[in-house]
Structure formats: structure tokens, C-alpha cells
């Protein structure tokens, strides 16, 4: 029997359901909780608000799994426009960007990895030019090797380029060791994709234990760990590991999703923890939204309650 998570992630790939959800006016109020808006101006407004409150940001122009080169080129251009918009704000690394390589053509046949590298490189160059950086989001397990290949190429000239690792995958502890090097920036998350037992831990306790092990590797290394979690217990473990490793507050950070546990984001920032919000924006929000529903039952309950009260 399929789990709730598997059903929701499968729904993210169903065009008919996509049209139903995106065409429902009641959905908009719920989406606004997780997505900063559909336009660049919306995103920049969120940037100014959050950074003014002492919260850093990493911006994601929504879109993934493109099916032709022209779509991939549009993704590149959207990020270049975003960086042009960030430049006058002079925020440096307080405002960085996150990209999904599948939006840059990674999955296209006949050289998708090379195409993604070709199109993401000018984005990384533009980020460096305004004093900030890019993090490569991690998607399904089948894309990990391709994404790490692109990362290695980009880090030759832009060593601050970041990567994401998913603790749920069996391979991630080894990947964390490989990336725990000077200058490396790694965001560790639990993992939001539905993966088979041969590839990933299945139980929550097993995923949490793997997360703690990987976090220990990153915190004890010379890189810059980014703790992508809303789990108070894992954040507390991160704080203890950072203290044990003698890390200064500016040598690691906590990252949380836009619209989730905002009070805790501000509490941590007030306590001296570097906090960054992952801020998605754009019209292609459906797949991202479905993953947020799949991650936590509370998100799904909130969505269904909103639909019922708006009908």
C-alpha cells in the first residue's frame, strides 16, 4: 500500500491533478504560506523584509524537470534577472540563490549534464560578481552523481558553490566525507523524494540517525555546514556538535523553509545563530508545493482545512 508521502509525490507528476489544484482559488491562500510570490518583485520584497529582520535568504526560482533546451535557457535567464535585482541591495552572502539542475536541462537526453553545466555557469559567475554564491539543490537519487560532477566543475573557479546532501540516502555519509573540505558549503536535509529501500532509509528514526551521523562529519570538518531542518532535536544536536568542534557562530548556519516555523527562525537568530530562509518564488510552484504537503501531515491538514473553509 502506498504511503501518504508516495501518493502526494506521485500527484506532483499528474498533469490533470496539477490543473485541478492550480486552478482552485482556495489553493492560493495555502500556497502563499510556502511561496513568496510569482514575480521577481515579490521575491525582492521578501528579501528586503527578511534580511531587515536579521534572517538571510536563499532564493529559488521555481521550476524543474524541463523537457527542452528553450525551457532550460529561460531558467538561466530568470536567475540572471534575479541576480540583477539583488545587486543594488548590496546584501552579499546574506542573499544567495539555490538552483535545481533539472531546470537547466540536466535530464535531457544526449548530454544533459553538460547542458546544465553550460547554462548554470553564467549564473554562478553573476552571483560571484555581486559577492554572493549559488547552492545546487539535490533532487532524486538518480541525479546525485550528475549534480556532484557539475559541482566539482563549478568549484574550480567558484569554490564557494554549495551543494545539498540528503541524509535519507545510504550513500550520503560517504558524500559528506568527500565534501567536508576547506571552503566547501553543504546543506544537509533529510530528503523530500520517495526513494526505494535499496537506495534510502525508510523509517523516520533511521533517517534521523543518519542525519546526525552526517552532521557530525560536516561539523568536524573544515567546510561550512548548513543545517537544513525544522526539527528542534536535530538543531539542538547541531548546536552541540558545533560547540564541540569549536565553531564560531559565523562558521555554520541553520536553514529553514519560507513560511515554516517563522517564530523559531527569529528566536534562533536573536540567540546568535546564523539563520537563512529558503525562499521560493515563481509561477511553477506546483511540484514544490506538493513536496511540502508530503513532508509533514500538519501541512496537508492545513491545506485540506483551508479548502473546506473556502468552499
Protein backbone atom coordinates (compact mmCIF):
# COMPACT_ATOMS: atom_id res chain seq x y z
CA UNK A 1 0.00 0.00 0.00
CA UNK A 2 1.38 3.39 -0.98
CA UNK A 3 2.23 5.81 1.82
CA UNK A 4 0.73 9.29 2.04
CA UNK A 5 4.12 10.70 1.03
CA UNK A 6 4.34 8.46 -2.04
CA UNK A 7 0.80 9.38 -3.09
CA UNK A 8 1.45 13.11 -2.81
CA UNK A 9 4.77 12.94 -4.61
CA UNK A 10 3.13 10.86 -7.34
CA UNK A 11 0.41 13.50 -7.59
CA UNK A 12 3.10 16.08 -8.32
CA UNK A 13 3.65 14.31 -11.66
CA UNK A 14 -0.04 14.11 -12.70
CA UNK A 15 -0.99 16.91 -15.14
CA UNK A 16 -4.72 16.50 -14.50
CA UNK A 17 -4.40 16.94 -10.76
CA UNK A 18 -1.95 19.78 -11.32
CA UNK A 19 -4.61 21.67 -13.30
CA UNK A 20 -7.20 20.98 -10.61
CA UNK A 21 -5.01 22.24 -7.76
CA UNK A 22 -3.50 25.25 -9.52
CA UNK A 23 -6.90 26.31 -10.85
CA UNK A 24 -8.54 26.28 -7.41
CA UNK A 25 -8.77 29.76 -5.90
CA UNK A 26 -8.75 28.32 -2.38
CA UNK A 27 -5.31 26.85 -3.02
CA UNK A 28 -3.77 30.29 -3.35
CA UNK A 29 -4.09 31.18 0.34
CA UNK A 30 -2.24 27.99 1.28
CA UNK A 31 0.43 28.39 -1.39
CA UNK A 32 1.14 31.91 -0.13
CA UNK A 33 2.30 30.36 3.13
CA UNK A 34 5.11 28.47 1.38
CA UNK A 35 5.86 30.59 -1.71
CA UNK A 36 6.95 34.24 -1.61
CA UNK A 37 5.01 35.13 -4.77
CA UNK A 38 5.05 34.64 -8.51
CA UNK A 39 7.16 37.61 -9.63
CA UNK A 40 10.68 38.90 -9.13
CA UNK A 41 9.28 41.95 -7.33
CA UNK A 42 7.52 39.61 -4.90
CA UNK A 43 10.80 37.81 -4.24
CA UNK A 44 12.77 41.02 -3.71
CA UNK A 45 10.11 42.28 -1.31
CA UNK A 46 10.54 39.10 0.76
CA UNK A 47 14.32 39.54 0.64
CA UNK A 48 14.14 43.08 1.98
CA UNK A 49 11.72 42.07 4.73
CA UNK A 50 13.62 39.02 5.92
CA UNK A 51 17.12 40.49 5.78
CA UNK A 52 15.80 43.54 7.61
CA UNK A 53 14.78 41.14 10.39
CA UNK A 54 18.22 39.53 10.55
CA UNK A 55 17.30 36.43 8.52
CA UNK A 56 19.43 35.55 5.49
CA UNK A 57 17.82 34.15 2.35
CA UNK A 58 18.49 31.69 -0.42
CA UNK A 59 16.20 32.24 -3.40
CA UNK A 60 14.79 29.51 -5.61
CA UNK A 61 13.11 30.46 -8.89
CA UNK A 62 10.65 27.59 -9.08
CA UNK A 63 10.80 25.14 -11.96
CA UNK A 64 12.25 21.69 -12.54
CA UNK A 65 12.29 18.76 -14.92
CA UNK A 66 12.37 20.83 -18.11
CA UNK A 67 11.81 18.95 -21.35
CA UNK A 68 13.63 21.09 -23.91
CA UNK A 69 16.60 23.41 -24.19
CA UNK A 70 14.49 26.56 -24.57
CA UNK A 71 12.93 25.97 -21.14
CA UNK A 72 16.39 25.49 -19.66
CA UNK A 73 17.57 28.76 -21.21
CA UNK A 74 14.57 30.53 -19.68
CA UNK A 75 15.56 29.17 -16.26
CA UNK A 76 19.07 30.58 -16.72
CA UNK A 77 17.67 33.96 -17.75
CA UNK A 78 15.31 34.08 -14.78
CA UNK A 79 18.23 33.59 -12.39
CA UNK A 80 20.31 36.22 -14.17
CA UNK A 81 17.39 38.65 -13.78
CA UNK A 82 17.16 37.71 -10.10
CA UNK A 83 20.83 38.45 -9.53
CA UNK A 84 20.48 41.77 -11.37
CA UNK A 85 17.66 42.58 -8.97
CA UNK A 86 19.73 41.62 -5.93
CA UNK A 87 22.80 43.61 -6.97
CA UNK A 88 21.56 47.09 -5.92
CA UNK A 89 20.60 45.76 -2.48
CA UNK A 90 24.27 45.12 -1.65
CA UNK A 91 23.49 42.20 0.64
CA UNK A 92 26.41 39.98 -0.32
CA UNK A 93 26.04 36.45 1.02
CA UNK A 94 23.06 37.44 3.13
CA UNK A 95 21.12 36.80 -0.11
CA UNK A 96 22.23 33.84 -2.18
CA UNK A 97 20.43 31.63 -4.70
CA UNK A 98 19.57 27.95 -4.99
CA UNK A 99 19.12 26.14 -8.30
CA UNK A 100 17.74 22.79 -9.40
CA UNK A 101 19.83 21.44 -12.26
CA UNK A 102 16.80 19.69 -13.73
CA UNK A 103 15.54 23.21 -14.52
CA UNK A 104 18.75 23.72 -16.51
CA UNK A 105 18.29 20.64 -18.69
CA UNK A 106 20.08 18.02 -16.59
CA UNK A 107 17.64 15.26 -17.59
CA UNK A 108 17.62 15.98 -21.32
CA UNK A 109 18.96 13.10 -23.43
CA UNK A 110 22.32 13.33 -25.14
CA UNK A 111 24.37 15.40 -22.72
CA UNK A 112 22.02 16.82 -20.11
CA UNK A 113 24.78 17.15 -17.53
CA UNK A 114 26.94 19.15 -19.94
CA UNK A 115 23.99 21.38 -20.85
CA UNK A 116 23.17 22.03 -17.19
CA UNK A 117 26.80 22.97 -16.54
CA UNK A 118 26.87 25.26 -19.56
CA UNK A 119 23.71 27.10 -18.50
CA UNK A 120 24.32 27.28 -14.76
CA UNK A 121 27.90 28.55 -15.09
CA UNK A 122 26.90 32.15 -16.02
CA UNK A 123 24.53 32.17 -13.05
CA UNK A 124 27.38 31.22 -10.72
CA UNK A 125 29.60 33.84 -12.35
CA UNK A 126 26.94 36.52 -11.91
CA UNK A 127 26.49 35.55 -8.26
CA UNK A 128 30.23 35.80 -7.63
CA UNK A 129 30.28 39.22 -9.30
CA UNK A 130 27.90 40.65 -6.70
CA UNK A 131 29.59 38.95 -3.76
CA UNK A 132 27.25 36.03 -3.25
CA UNK A 133 27.04 32.39 -4.25
CA UNK A 134 24.89 29.55 -5.58
CA UNK A 135 23.85 26.27 -3.98
CA UNK A 136 22.96 23.29 -6.18
CA UNK A 137 19.80 21.67 -4.83
CA UNK A 138 19.72 17.88 -4.83
CA UNK A 139 16.82 16.05 -6.47
CA UNK A 140 16.08 12.33 -6.96
CA UNK A 141 18.85 9.87 -6.13
CA UNK A 142 19.46 9.14 -9.82
CA UNK A 143 20.71 12.72 -10.25
CA UNK A 144 23.27 12.74 -7.42
CA UNK A 145 26.33 11.77 -9.47
CA UNK A 146 25.47 14.24 -12.22
CA UNK A 147 24.93 17.04 -9.71
CA UNK A 148 28.20 16.35 -7.91
CA UNK A 149 30.01 16.30 -11.28
CA UNK A 150 28.65 19.78 -12.07
CA UNK A 151 29.57 20.93 -8.56
CA UNK A 152 33.19 19.81 -8.97
CA UNK A 153 33.50 21.71 -12.26
CA UNK A 154 31.99 24.90 -10.85
CA UNK A 155 34.16 24.81 -7.73
CA UNK A 156 37.31 25.02 -9.85
CA UNK A 157 36.66 28.73 -10.39
CA UNK A 158 33.99 29.37 -7.77
CA UNK A 159 34.94 27.36 -4.67
CA UNK A 160 32.07 28.80 -2.67
CA UNK A 161 29.48 26.98 -4.76
CA UNK A 162 27.34 24.95 -2.39
CA UNK A 163 25.74 21.52 -2.56
CA UNK A 164 22.84 19.77 -0.87
CA UNK A 165 23.02 16.27 0.56
CA UNK A 166 20.02 14.16 1.61
CA UNK A 167 20.58 12.21 4.81
CA UNK A 168 17.97 9.61 3.83
CA UNK A 169 20.20 8.21 1.08
CA UNK A 170 22.53 5.37 2.08
CA UNK A 171 25.42 6.96 0.20
CA UNK A 172 25.27 10.36 1.88
CA UNK A 173 27.67 9.75 4.77
CA UNK A 174 30.42 8.97 2.24
CA UNK A 175 29.44 12.01 0.16
CA UNK A 176 29.60 14.17 3.28
CA UNK A 177 33.15 12.98 3.98
CA UNK A 178 34.15 13.76 0.39
CA UNK A 179 32.68 17.27 0.60
CA UNK A 180 33.91 18.14 4.11
CA UNK A 181 36.90 20.07 2.74
CA UNK A 182 38.09 23.67 3.16
CA UNK A 183 35.77 26.17 1.51
CA UNK A 184 33.01 23.63 0.85
CA UNK A 185 29.45 24.63 1.69
CA UNK A 186 27.00 21.77 2.27
CA UNK A 187 23.31 21.98 3.15
CA UNK A 188 22.20 18.78 4.85
CA UNK A 189 18.50 17.91 4.59
CA UNK A 190 16.52 14.79 5.37
CA UNK A 191 15.28 14.31 1.80
CA UNK A 192 11.85 15.02 0.29
CA UNK A 193 11.77 12.42 -2.50
CA UNK A 194 10.24 8.94 -2.48
CA UNK A 195 13.16 6.51 -2.78
CA UNK A 196 13.26 2.68 -2.61
CA UNK A 197 14.78 0.77 0.35
CA UNK A 198 17.78 -0.19 -1.79
CA UNK A 199 18.70 3.49 -2.03
CA UNK A 200 17.38 5.16 1.11
CA UNK A 201 16.48 4.67 4.74
CA UNK A 202 12.72 4.26 5.11
CA UNK A 203 11.93 4.83 8.80
CA UNK A 204 11.90 8.24 10.45
CA UNK A 205 14.24 7.12 13.25
CA UNK A 206 16.72 5.69 10.74
CA UNK A 207 16.69 8.91 8.72
CA UNK A 208 17.19 11.00 11.86
CA UNK A 209 20.11 8.81 12.96
CA UNK A 210 21.69 9.11 9.51
CA UNK A 211 21.20 12.88 9.64
CA UNK A 212 23.01 13.10 12.98
CA UNK A 213 25.91 10.98 11.67
CA UNK A 214 26.28 13.09 8.52
CA UNK A 215 26.04 16.27 10.55
CA UNK A 216 28.85 15.02 12.77
CA UNK A 217 31.04 14.52 9.69
CA UNK A 218 30.32 18.02 8.38
CA UNK A 219 30.69 19.80 11.72
CA UNK A 220 34.04 18.15 12.44
CA UNK A 221 35.39 19.05 9.00
CA UNK A 222 36.80 22.36 7.73
CA UNK A 223 33.86 23.27 5.48
CA UNK A 224 30.73 25.35 6.12
CA UNK A 225 27.77 23.19 7.24
CA UNK A 226 24.22 24.40 6.54
CA UNK A 227 21.69 22.61 8.74
CA UNK A 228 18.53 22.28 6.65
CA UNK A 229 16.00 21.23 9.27
CA UNK A 230 12.96 22.39 11.25
CA UNK A 231 13.41 19.59 13.79
CA UNK A 232 14.27 21.11 17.21
CA UNK A 233 16.09 17.96 18.28
CA UNK A 234 18.36 17.94 15.23
CA UNK A 235 19.04 21.67 15.55
CA UNK A 236 19.98 21.10 19.20
CA UNK A 237 22.34 18.30 18.10
CA UNK A 238 23.85 20.70 15.55
CA UNK A 239 24.47 23.30 18.24
CA UNK A 240 26.18 20.76 20.47
CA UNK A 241 28.33 19.44 17.60
CA UNK A 242 29.31 22.98 16.63
CA UNK A 243 30.33 23.77 20.20
CA UNK A 244 32.30 20.51 20.46
CA UNK A 245 34.13 21.35 17.22
CA UNK A 246 34.93 24.85 18.48
CA UNK A 247 32.99 26.50 15.68
CA UNK A 248 32.28 30.23 15.74
CA UNK A 249 28.70 31.38 15.04
CA UNK A 250 29.65 32.55 11.55
CA UNK A 251 31.11 29.18 10.53
CA UNK A 252 27.79 27.35 10.13
CA UNK A 253 24.09 28.12 9.78
CA UNK A 254 20.55 26.80 10.11
CA UNK A 255 18.29 26.89 7.07
CA UNK A 256 14.51 26.65 7.20
CA UNK A 257 11.83 26.89 4.54
CA UNK A 258 9.99 30.13 3.97
CA UNK A 259 6.75 30.16 5.92
CA UNK A 260 7.60 27.26 8.23
CA UNK A 261 8.41 27.80 11.93
CA UNK A 262 8.99 31.51 11.38
CA UNK A 263 8.89 32.28 15.11
CA UNK A 264 11.65 29.73 15.67
CA UNK A 265 13.70 31.27 12.88
CA UNK A 266 13.56 34.62 14.67
CA UNK A 267 14.24 33.07 18.07
CA UNK A 268 17.38 31.34 16.82
CA UNK A 269 18.58 34.49 15.05
CA UNK A 270 18.06 36.52 18.23
CA UNK A 271 20.12 33.91 20.10
CA UNK A 272 23.07 34.49 17.76
CA UNK A 273 22.57 31.56 15.35
CA UNK A 274 23.05 32.33 11.65
CA UNK A 275 19.64 31.61 10.11
CA UNK A 276 18.71 31.54 6.43
CA UNK A 277 15.25 31.12 4.93
CA UNK A 278 14.81 29.14 1.70
CA UNK A 279 12.59 31.47 -0.33
CA UNK A 280 10.88 30.01 -3.42
CA UNK A 281 9.04 32.17 -5.92
CA UNK A 282 7.65 31.92 -9.44
CA UNK A 283 4.62 30.61 -11.29
CA UNK A 284 5.73 26.97 -11.47
CA UNK A 285 5.05 26.26 -7.79
CA UNK A 286 3.01 23.05 -8.01
CA UNK A 287 5.75 20.39 -7.59
CA UNK A 288 7.38 22.32 -4.76
CA UNK A 289 4.03 22.75 -3.04
CA UNK A 290 3.21 19.04 -3.23
CA UNK A 291 6.56 18.14 -1.64
CA UNK A 292 5.80 20.46 1.26
CA UNK A 293 2.45 18.69 1.77
CA UNK A 294 4.19 15.30 1.60
CA UNK A 295 6.83 16.21 4.18
CA UNK A 296 4.55 16.89 7.15
CA UNK A 297 0.99 15.72 7.91
CA UNK A 298 0.35 19.13 9.51
CA UNK A 299 0.92 20.82 6.16
CA UNK A 300 -1.62 18.56 4.46
CA UNK A 301 -4.17 19.11 7.24
CA UNK A 302 -3.67 22.86 6.92
CA UNK A 303 -4.25 22.63 3.14
CA UNK A 304 -7.40 20.49 3.40
CA UNK A 305 -8.82 22.69 6.16
CA UNK A 306 -8.28 25.78 4.00
CA UNK A 307 -10.05 24.15 1.05
CA UNK A 308 -13.04 23.20 3.21
CA UNK A 309 -13.42 26.61 4.83
CA UNK A 310 -13.10 28.36 1.46
CA UNK A 311 -15.68 26.21 -0.35
